[in-house]
Amino acid sequence: MSASSTARRFAATALAAGAVVSAVALPASAHEGERHRHPRVEISAVQADSPGRDNGSNRSLNREWVEVTNKGRRSVDLDGWTLRDRDGNRYRFEDYRLAGRATVRIHTGIGRDTRTDLYQDLRHYVWDNRSDTATLRDDHRRTVDTEAWGRHHRR
């Protein structure tokens, strides 16, 4: 066997081995990137129509809410994330970390923030009773989840 034939054979073997390693490593790296993104954070429930009469009281405003749930095991830093309605009303999460397998309820009215309840501190309703869309975005403005209801409902 000539030296050039051996060199060609060696190069072909090295290329084939590199292709196999790349094919095996690619799915692992793609999976790694997904795991470090947002582990299944979603809008889990919406109470757009406050029970009873919409009289504008703080009690009525706080009975209008959106729940956000972290379905993953690890906590997620929601600092800088936003929750918006179709009209552009926006709530921005500040210094809040959602524990793994936990839910936080974001109320429209005024209140004292806790681990399970956050308040937008507004004096007007945000969510349209008949038709609206709640959009949750991360701190890079990427849409994480949406929940729509009524005539503009699109999935």
N, C-alpha and C. Protein backbone atom coordinates (compact mmCIF):
# COMPACT_ATOMS: atom_id res chain seq x y z
N MET A 1 0.85 -1.17 0.00
CA MET A 1 0.00 0.00 0.00
C MET A 1 0.89 1.23 0.00
N SER A 2 0.55 2.20 -0.83
CA SER A 2 1.37 3.40 -0.96
C SER A 2 1.08 4.36 0.20
N ALA A 3 2.00 5.31 0.42
CA ALA A 3 1.87 6.29 1.50
C ALA A 3 0.67 7.19 1.27
N SER A 4 0.42 7.55 -0.01
CA SER A 4 -0.72 8.44 -0.28
C SER A 4 -2.04 7.70 -0.05
N SER A 5 -2.08 6.40 -0.35
CA SER A 5 -3.28 5.61 -0.11
C SER A 5 -3.54 5.49 1.39
N THR A 6 -2.49 5.29 2.16
CA THR A 6 -2.62 5.21 3.62
C THR A 6 -3.08 6.55 4.19
N ALA A 7 -2.53 7.63 3.69
CA ALA A 7 -2.92 8.97 4.17
C ALA A 7 -4.38 9.24 3.86
N ARG A 8 -4.80 8.84 2.62
CA ARG A 8 -6.22 9.04 2.26
C ARG A 8 -7.13 8.21 3.15
N ARG A 9 -6.74 6.98 3.41
CA ARG A 9 -7.54 6.09 4.26
C ARG A 9 -7.62 6.66 5.68
N PHE A 10 -6.49 7.14 6.20
CA PHE A 10 -6.44 7.73 7.53
C PHE A 10 -7.34 8.97 7.60
N ALA A 11 -7.28 9.83 6.59
CA ALA A 11 -8.10 11.05 6.54
C ALA A 11 -9.58 10.69 6.49
N ALA A 12 -9.94 9.68 5.69
CA ALA A 12 -11.34 9.27 5.58
C ALA A 12 -11.84 8.73 6.91
N THR A 13 -11.01 7.95 7.60
CA THR A 13 -11.39 7.40 8.90
C THR A 13 -11.58 8.52 9.92
N ALA A 14 -10.67 9.49 9.92
CA ALA A 14 -10.77 10.62 10.85
C ALA A 14 -12.03 11.43 10.59
N LEU A 15 -12.35 11.67 9.31
CA LEU A 15 -13.55 12.43 8.96
C LEU A 15 -14.80 11.67 9.40
N ALA A 16 -14.82 10.36 9.17
CA ALA A 16 -15.99 9.56 9.55
C ALA A 16 -16.16 9.58 11.07
N ALA A 17 -15.06 9.45 11.80
CA ALA A 17 -15.13 9.47 13.26
C ALA A 17 -15.63 10.83 13.75
N GLY A 18 -15.15 11.90 13.12
CA GLY A 18 -15.60 13.24 13.48
C GLY A 18 -17.09 13.43 13.24
N ALA A 19 -17.58 12.88 12.14
CA ALA A 19 -19.01 12.99 11.81
C ALA A 19 -19.84 12.25 12.85
N VAL A 20 -19.38 11.06 13.27
CA VAL A 20 -20.11 10.29 14.27
C VAL A 20 -20.13 11.03 15.60
N VAL A 21 -19.00 11.58 16.02
CA VAL A 21 -18.93 12.33 17.28
C VAL A 21 -19.84 13.55 17.21
N SER A 22 -19.84 14.25 16.09
CA SER A 22 -20.68 15.43 15.93
C SER A 22 -22.16 15.06 15.99
N ALA A 23 -22.52 13.96 15.35
CA ALA A 23 -23.93 13.54 15.33
C ALA A 23 -24.40 13.17 16.73
N VAL A 24 -23.52 12.56 17.52
CA VAL A 24 -23.89 12.18 18.87
C VAL A 24 -23.91 13.41 19.78
N ALA A 25 -22.98 14.31 19.63
CA ALA A 25 -22.87 15.48 20.51
C ALA A 25 -23.93 16.53 20.21
N LEU A 26 -24.37 16.65 18.97
CA LEU A 26 -25.32 17.70 18.61
C LEU A 26 -26.62 17.62 19.39
N PRO A 27 -27.30 16.46 19.41
CA PRO A 27 -28.54 16.44 20.18
C PRO A 27 -28.31 16.74 21.66
N ALA A 28 -27.19 16.28 22.22
CA ALA A 28 -26.91 16.55 23.63
C ALA A 28 -26.76 18.05 23.86
N SER A 29 -26.05 18.76 22.98
CA SER A 29 -25.88 20.20 23.19
C SER A 29 -27.18 20.94 22.97
N ALA A 30 -27.98 20.53 22.00
CA ALA A 30 -29.26 21.20 21.78
C ALA A 30 -30.14 21.02 23.01
N HIS A 31 -30.14 19.83 23.58
CA HIS A 31 -30.93 19.57 24.77
C HIS A 31 -30.41 20.40 25.95
N GLU A 32 -29.11 20.52 26.09
CA GLU A 32 -28.49 21.33 27.15
C GLU A 32 -29.01 22.75 27.09
N GLY A 33 -29.03 23.36 25.89
CA GLY A 33 -29.48 24.74 25.74
C GLY A 33 -30.92 24.91 26.15
N GLU A 34 -31.77 23.96 25.79
CA GLU A 34 -33.18 24.05 26.15
C GLU A 34 -33.37 23.96 27.65
N ARG A 35 -32.60 23.10 28.31
CA ARG A 35 -32.76 22.90 29.73
C ARG A 35 -32.47 24.16 30.52
N HIS A 36 -31.57 25.00 30.03
CA HIS A 36 -31.20 26.20 30.76
C HIS A 36 -32.10 27.39 30.41
N ARG A 37 -33.03 27.22 29.48
CA ARG A 37 -33.95 28.31 29.16
C ARG A 37 -35.02 28.37 30.22
N HIS A 38 -36.26 28.45 29.88
CA HIS A 38 -37.33 28.61 30.85
C HIS A 38 -38.03 27.28 31.06
N PRO A 39 -37.70 26.59 32.12
CA PRO A 39 -38.24 25.26 32.34
C PRO A 39 -39.74 25.29 32.59
N ARG A 40 -40.47 25.31 31.51
CA ARG A 40 -41.92 25.15 31.55
C ARG A 40 -42.64 26.17 32.43
N VAL A 41 -42.34 27.43 32.22
CA VAL A 41 -43.09 28.50 32.88
C VAL A 41 -44.26 28.82 31.97
N GLU A 42 -45.46 28.90 32.54
CA GLU A 42 -46.64 29.12 31.71
C GLU A 42 -47.72 29.89 32.45
N ILE A 43 -48.62 30.46 31.66
CA ILE A 43 -49.83 31.07 32.22
C ILE A 43 -50.77 29.89 32.49
N SER A 44 -51.07 29.66 33.75
CA SER A 44 -51.84 28.47 34.11
C SER A 44 -53.32 28.73 34.33
N ALA A 45 -53.69 29.98 34.62
CA ALA A 45 -55.11 30.31 34.82
C ALA A 45 -55.29 31.82 34.70
N VAL A 46 -56.50 32.21 34.27
CA VAL A 46 -56.85 33.63 34.17
C VAL A 46 -58.25 33.82 34.73
N GLN A 47 -58.41 34.79 35.61
CA GLN A 47 -59.72 35.21 36.09
C GLN A 47 -59.90 36.64 35.59
N ALA A 48 -60.41 36.75 34.35
CA ALA A 48 -60.55 38.06 33.71
C ALA A 48 -61.79 38.80 34.20
N ASP A 49 -62.84 38.05 34.48
CA ASP A 49 -64.11 38.64 34.91
C ASP A 49 -64.22 38.51 36.42
N SER A 50 -63.92 39.58 37.12
CA SER A 50 -63.98 39.58 38.58
C SER A 50 -65.38 39.15 39.02
N PRO A 51 -65.48 38.17 39.92
CA PRO A 51 -66.81 37.73 40.38
C PRO A 51 -67.60 38.89 40.99
N GLY A 52 -68.89 38.91 40.75
CA GLY A 52 -69.75 40.00 41.25
C GLY A 52 -69.75 41.16 40.28
N ARG A 53 -70.24 42.29 40.79
CA ARG A 53 -70.31 43.50 39.96
C ARG A 53 -68.94 44.12 39.81
N ASP A 54 -68.63 44.60 38.62
CA ASP A 54 -67.38 45.34 38.39
C ASP A 54 -67.61 46.78 38.86
N ASN A 55 -67.39 47.00 40.16
CA ASN A 55 -67.67 48.32 40.73
C ASN A 55 -66.41 49.16 40.91
N GLY A 56 -65.26 48.64 40.51
CA GLY A 56 -64.02 49.41 40.59
C GLY A 56 -63.37 49.43 41.96
N SER A 57 -63.96 48.72 42.93
CA SER A 57 -63.35 48.69 44.27
C SER A 57 -62.05 47.89 44.21
N ASN A 58 -61.17 48.13 45.15
CA ASN A 58 -59.90 47.41 45.20
C ASN A 58 -60.16 45.91 45.35
N ARG A 59 -61.17 45.55 46.12
CA ARG A 59 -61.52 44.13 46.29
C ARG A 59 -61.90 43.52 44.95
N SER A 60 -62.71 44.21 44.19
CA SER A 60 -63.12 43.73 42.88
C SER A 60 -61.93 43.65 41.92
N LEU A 61 -61.08 44.67 41.94
CA LEU A 61 -59.89 44.67 41.08
C LEU A 61 -58.96 43.49 41.40
N ASN A 62 -58.82 43.16 42.68
CA ASN A 62 -57.93 42.07 43.07
C ASN A 62 -58.52 40.69 42.83
N ARG A 63 -59.81 40.65 42.48
CA ARG A 63 -60.42 39.37 42.12
C ARG A 63 -60.30 39.14 40.61
N GLU A 64 -59.60 40.02 39.93
CA GLU A 64 -59.19 39.86 38.54
C GLU A 64 -57.69 39.55 38.60
N TRP A 65 -57.27 38.40 38.04
CA TRP A 65 -55.88 37.97 38.18
C TRP A 65 -55.46 37.02 37.07
N VAL A 66 -54.15 36.83 37.00
CA VAL A 66 -53.53 35.84 36.10
C VAL A 66 -52.57 35.03 36.95
N GLU A 67 -52.58 33.72 36.76
CA GLU A 67 -51.63 32.85 37.46
C GLU A 67 -50.53 32.41 36.52
N VAL A 68 -49.29 32.43 37.02
CA VAL A 68 -48.12 31.96 36.28
C VAL A 68 -47.52 30.82 37.10
N THR A 69 -47.29 29.69 36.43
CA THR A 69 -46.80 28.49 37.11
C THR A 69 -45.47 28.05 36.53
N ASN A 70 -44.57 27.66 37.41
CA ASN A 70 -43.30 27.04 37.02
C ASN A 70 -43.48 25.54 37.18
N LYS A 71 -43.59 24.82 36.07
CA LYS A 71 -43.80 23.37 36.09
C LYS A 71 -42.49 22.61 36.32
N GLY A 72 -41.37 23.31 36.22
CA GLY A 72 -40.07 22.67 36.40
C GLY A 72 -39.68 22.55 37.86
N ARG A 73 -38.61 21.82 38.12
CA ARG A 73 -38.13 21.62 39.50
C ARG A 73 -37.29 22.78 39.99
N ARG A 74 -36.62 23.47 39.09
CA ARG A 74 -35.71 24.56 39.49
C ARG A 74 -36.44 25.90 39.48
N SER A 75 -36.02 26.79 40.37
CA SER A 75 -36.63 28.12 40.41
C SER A 75 -36.23 28.90 39.17
N VAL A 76 -37.04 29.88 38.82
CA VAL A 76 -36.80 30.72 37.65
C VAL A 76 -36.84 32.18 38.09
N ASP A 77 -35.82 32.94 37.71
CA ASP A 77 -35.76 34.36 38.02
C ASP A 77 -36.62 35.10 37.00
N LEU A 78 -37.73 35.69 37.46
CA LEU A 78 -38.65 36.40 36.57
C LEU A 78 -38.35 37.89 36.49
N ASP A 79 -37.25 38.34 37.08
CA ASP A 79 -36.90 39.76 37.06
C ASP A 79 -36.82 40.25 35.61
N GLY A 80 -37.60 41.28 35.29
CA GLY A 80 -37.62 41.84 33.94
C GLY A 80 -38.63 41.19 33.01
N TRP A 81 -39.29 40.11 33.44
CA TRP A 81 -40.33 39.49 32.62
C TRP A 81 -41.56 40.40 32.64
N THR A 82 -42.41 40.26 31.64
CA THR A 82 -43.62 41.08 31.58
C THR A 82 -44.85 40.23 31.30
N LEU A 83 -45.97 40.76 31.76
CA LEU A 83 -47.29 40.18 31.49
C LEU A 83 -48.10 41.30 30.87
N ARG A 84 -48.62 41.08 29.66
CA ARG A 84 -49.34 42.14 28.93
C ARG A 84 -50.72 41.67 28.50
N ASP A 85 -51.60 42.65 28.33
CA ASP A 85 -52.90 42.36 27.70
C ASP A 85 -52.84 42.83 26.25
N ARG A 86 -53.91 42.60 25.52
CA ARG A 86 -53.95 42.95 24.10
C ARG A 86 -53.86 44.46 23.87
N ASP A 87 -54.32 45.27 24.83
CA ASP A 87 -54.29 46.73 24.69
C ASP A 87 -52.95 47.35 25.06
N GLY A 88 -52.00 46.54 25.51
CA GLY A 88 -50.68 47.07 25.83
C GLY A 88 -50.44 47.37 27.30
N ASN A 89 -51.45 47.13 28.17
CA ASN A 89 -51.21 47.27 29.60
C ASN A 89 -50.15 46.26 29.99
N ARG A 90 -49.18 46.67 30.82
CA ARG A 90 -48.04 45.81 31.09
C ARG A 90 -47.72 45.78 32.59
N TYR A 91 -47.48 44.58 33.09
CA TYR A 91 -46.95 44.40 34.44
C TYR A 91 -45.54 43.85 34.30
N ARG A 92 -44.59 44.45 34.99
CA ARG A 92 -43.20 44.01 34.93
C ARG A 92 -42.81 43.39 36.27
N PHE A 93 -42.30 42.17 36.23
CA PHE A 93 -41.83 41.49 37.43
C PHE A 93 -40.52 42.14 37.87
N GLU A 94 -40.43 42.48 39.15
CA GLU A 94 -39.23 43.10 39.71
C GLU A 94 -38.72 42.23 40.86
N ASP A 95 -37.47 41.83 40.79
CA ASP A 95 -36.83 41.07 41.88
C ASP A 95 -37.71 39.94 42.39
N TYR A 96 -38.19 39.10 41.48
CA TYR A 96 -39.06 37.99 41.89
C TYR A 96 -38.52 36.69 41.30
N ARG A 97 -38.39 35.69 42.16
CA ARG A 97 -37.95 34.35 41.76
C ARG A 97 -39.10 33.38 42.06
N LEU A 98 -39.55 32.68 41.01
CA LEU A 98 -40.64 31.71 41.14
C LEU A 98 -40.04 30.34 41.41
N ALA A 99 -40.36 29.80 42.56
CA ALA A 99 -39.81 28.51 42.97
C ALA A 99 -40.25 27.40 42.02
N GLY A 100 -39.52 26.31 42.04
CA GLY A 100 -39.90 25.15 41.23
C GLY A 100 -41.25 24.61 41.66
N ARG A 101 -42.04 24.22 40.68
CA ARG A 101 -43.38 23.66 40.90
C ARG A 101 -44.24 24.57 41.77
N ALA A 102 -44.15 25.87 41.51
CA ALA A 102 -44.92 26.86 42.28
C ALA A 102 -45.72 27.75 41.33
N THR A 103 -46.72 28.42 41.90
CA THR A 103 -47.59 29.33 41.16
C THR A 103 -47.64 30.66 41.86
N VAL A 104 -47.65 31.73 41.08
CA VAL A 104 -47.85 33.07 41.63
C VAL A 104 -49.08 33.67 40.93
N ARG A 105 -49.88 34.38 41.70
CA ARG A 105 -51.09 35.03 41.17
C ARG A 105 -50.82 36.52 41.10
N ILE A 106 -51.01 37.11 39.91
CA ILE A 106 -50.79 38.54 39.71
C ILE A 106 -52.16 39.22 39.68
N HIS A 107 -52.45 39.99 40.74
CA HIS A 107 -53.73 40.68 40.89
C HIS A 107 -53.65 42.06 40.24
N THR A 108 -54.78 42.57 39.81
CA THR A 108 -54.81 43.88 39.16
C THR A 108 -54.70 45.02 40.16
N GLY A 109 -55.38 44.92 41.29
CA GLY A 109 -55.46 46.03 42.24
C GLY A 109 -54.24 46.25 43.10
N ILE A 110 -54.48 46.94 44.21
CA ILE A 110 -53.40 47.33 45.13
C ILE A 110 -53.31 46.31 46.26
N GLY A 111 -52.08 45.96 46.62
CA GLY A 111 -51.88 45.02 47.72
C GLY A 111 -50.41 44.90 48.06
N ARG A 112 -50.12 44.03 49.03
CA ARG A 112 -48.74 43.80 49.47
C ARG A 112 -48.24 42.51 48.84
N ASP A 113 -47.15 42.60 48.09
CA ASP A 113 -46.59 41.43 47.41
C ASP A 113 -46.12 40.39 48.41
N THR A 114 -46.39 39.13 48.08
CA THR A 114 -45.91 37.99 48.86
C THR A 114 -45.29 37.00 47.88
N ARG A 115 -44.88 35.87 48.38
CA ARG A 115 -44.29 34.82 47.55
C ARG A 115 -45.32 34.26 46.55
N THR A 116 -46.61 34.25 46.94
CA THR A 116 -47.66 33.64 46.11
C THR A 116 -48.60 34.63 45.45
N ASP A 117 -48.52 35.90 45.84
CA ASP A 117 -49.43 36.92 45.29
C ASP A 117 -48.65 38.20 45.01
N LEU A 118 -48.78 38.69 43.78
CA LEU A 118 -48.18 39.97 43.38
C LEU A 118 -49.30 40.90 42.94
N TYR A 119 -49.08 42.20 43.08
CA TYR A 119 -50.11 43.19 42.78
C TYR A 119 -49.60 44.22 41.78
N GLN A 120 -50.45 44.53 40.79
CA GLN A 120 -50.09 45.53 39.79
C GLN A 120 -50.26 46.94 40.33
N ASP A 121 -50.99 47.09 41.43
CA ASP A 121 -51.24 48.38 42.07
C ASP A 121 -51.95 49.37 41.13
N LEU A 122 -52.95 48.86 40.41
CA LEU A 122 -53.72 49.69 39.49
C LEU A 122 -55.09 50.01 40.09
N ARG A 123 -55.67 51.08 39.60
CA ARG A 123 -57.01 51.48 40.04
C ARG A 123 -58.04 51.32 38.92
N HIS A 124 -57.68 50.52 37.91
CA HIS A 124 -58.61 50.24 36.81
C HIS A 124 -58.43 48.79 36.36
N TYR A 125 -59.47 48.22 35.78
CA TYR A 125 -59.41 46.84 35.29
C TYR A 125 -58.46 46.74 34.10
N VAL A 126 -57.80 45.60 33.97
CA VAL A 126 -56.87 45.37 32.86
C VAL A 126 -57.47 44.39 31.86
N TRP A 127 -57.95 43.27 32.36
CA TRP A 127 -58.37 42.17 31.49
C TRP A 127 -59.80 42.35 31.04
N ASP A 128 -60.03 42.27 29.73
CA ASP A 128 -61.37 42.38 29.16
C ASP A 128 -62.15 41.11 29.50
N ASN A 129 -63.35 41.28 30.04
CA ASN A 129 -64.16 40.13 30.45
C ASN A 129 -64.51 39.21 29.29
N ARG A 130 -64.78 39.78 28.14
CA ARG A 130 -65.28 38.99 27.00
C ARG A 130 -64.20 38.47 26.07
N SER A 131 -63.14 39.24 25.87
CA SER A 131 -62.14 38.86 24.88
C SER A 131 -60.83 39.57 25.14
N ASP A 132 -59.77 38.82 25.31
CA ASP A 132 -58.46 39.42 25.54
C ASP A 132 -57.39 38.35 25.35
N THR A 133 -56.15 38.77 25.47
CA THR A 133 -55.01 37.85 25.39
C THR A 133 -53.99 38.26 26.43
N ALA A 134 -53.59 37.31 27.27
CA ALA A 134 -52.52 37.53 28.24
C ALA A 134 -51.24 36.96 27.62
N THR A 135 -50.18 37.77 27.59
CA THR A 135 -48.90 37.33 27.01
C THR A 135 -47.80 37.48 28.05
N LEU A 136 -47.09 36.38 28.29
CA LEU A 136 -45.97 36.37 29.22
C LEU A 136 -44.69 36.37 28.39
N ARG A 137 -43.82 37.36 28.64
CA ARG A 137 -42.54 37.46 27.92
C ARG A 137 -41.39 37.45 28.91
N ASP A 138 -40.27 36.88 28.49
CA ASP A 138 -39.09 36.86 29.36
C ASP A 138 -38.34 38.18 29.28
N ASP A 139 -37.21 38.26 29.96
CA ASP A 139 -36.46 39.51 30.02
C ASP A 139 -35.75 39.84 28.71
N HIS A 140 -35.85 38.96 27.71
CA HIS A 140 -35.33 39.24 26.37
C HIS A 140 -36.47 39.50 25.38
N ARG A 141 -37.66 39.73 25.91
CA ARG A 141 -38.88 40.01 25.14
C ARG A 141 -39.35 38.83 24.29
N ARG A 142 -38.88 37.64 24.59
CA ARG A 142 -39.35 36.45 23.87
C ARG A 142 -40.65 35.98 24.52
N THR A 143 -41.64 35.65 23.69
CA THR A 143 -42.91 35.16 24.22
C THR A 143 -42.69 33.78 24.82
N VAL A 144 -43.08 33.64 26.09
CA VAL A 144 -42.96 32.37 26.80
C VAL A 144 -44.29 31.62 26.72
N ASP A 145 -45.41 32.35 26.88
CA ASP A 145 -46.74 31.73 26.80
C ASP A 145 -47.79 32.80 26.55
N THR A 146 -48.90 32.39 25.98
CA THR A 146 -50.05 33.27 25.81
C THR A 146 -51.31 32.49 26.18
N GLU A 147 -52.29 33.22 26.64
CA GLU A 147 -53.60 32.65 26.93
C GLU A 147 -54.63 33.64 26.39
N ALA A 148 -55.48 33.16 25.49
CA ALA A 148 -56.48 34.03 24.86
C ALA A 148 -57.88 33.49 25.15
N TRP A 149 -58.85 34.40 25.19
CA TRP A 149 -60.24 34.00 25.38
C TRP A 149 -61.12 34.95 24.59
N GLY A 150 -62.34 34.49 24.29
CA GLY A 150 -63.31 35.30 23.57
C GLY A 150 -63.12 35.29 22.07
N ARG A 151 -63.64 36.29 21.41
CA ARG A 151 -63.69 36.33 19.95
C ARG A 151 -62.32 36.43 19.28
N HIS A 152 -61.30 36.90 19.98
CA HIS A 152 -59.96 36.99 19.40
C HIS A 152 -59.10 35.80 19.78
N HIS A 153 -59.74 34.80 20.34
CA HIS A 153 -59.02 33.61 20.81
C HIS A 153 -58.35 32.90 19.62
N ARG A 154 -57.02 32.81 19.67
CA ARG A 154 -56.25 32.10 18.64
C ARG A 154 -55.22 31.24 19.34
N ARG A 155 -55.10 30.04 18.92
CA ARG A 155 -54.08 29.13 19.47
C ARG A 155 -53.27 28.55 18.37
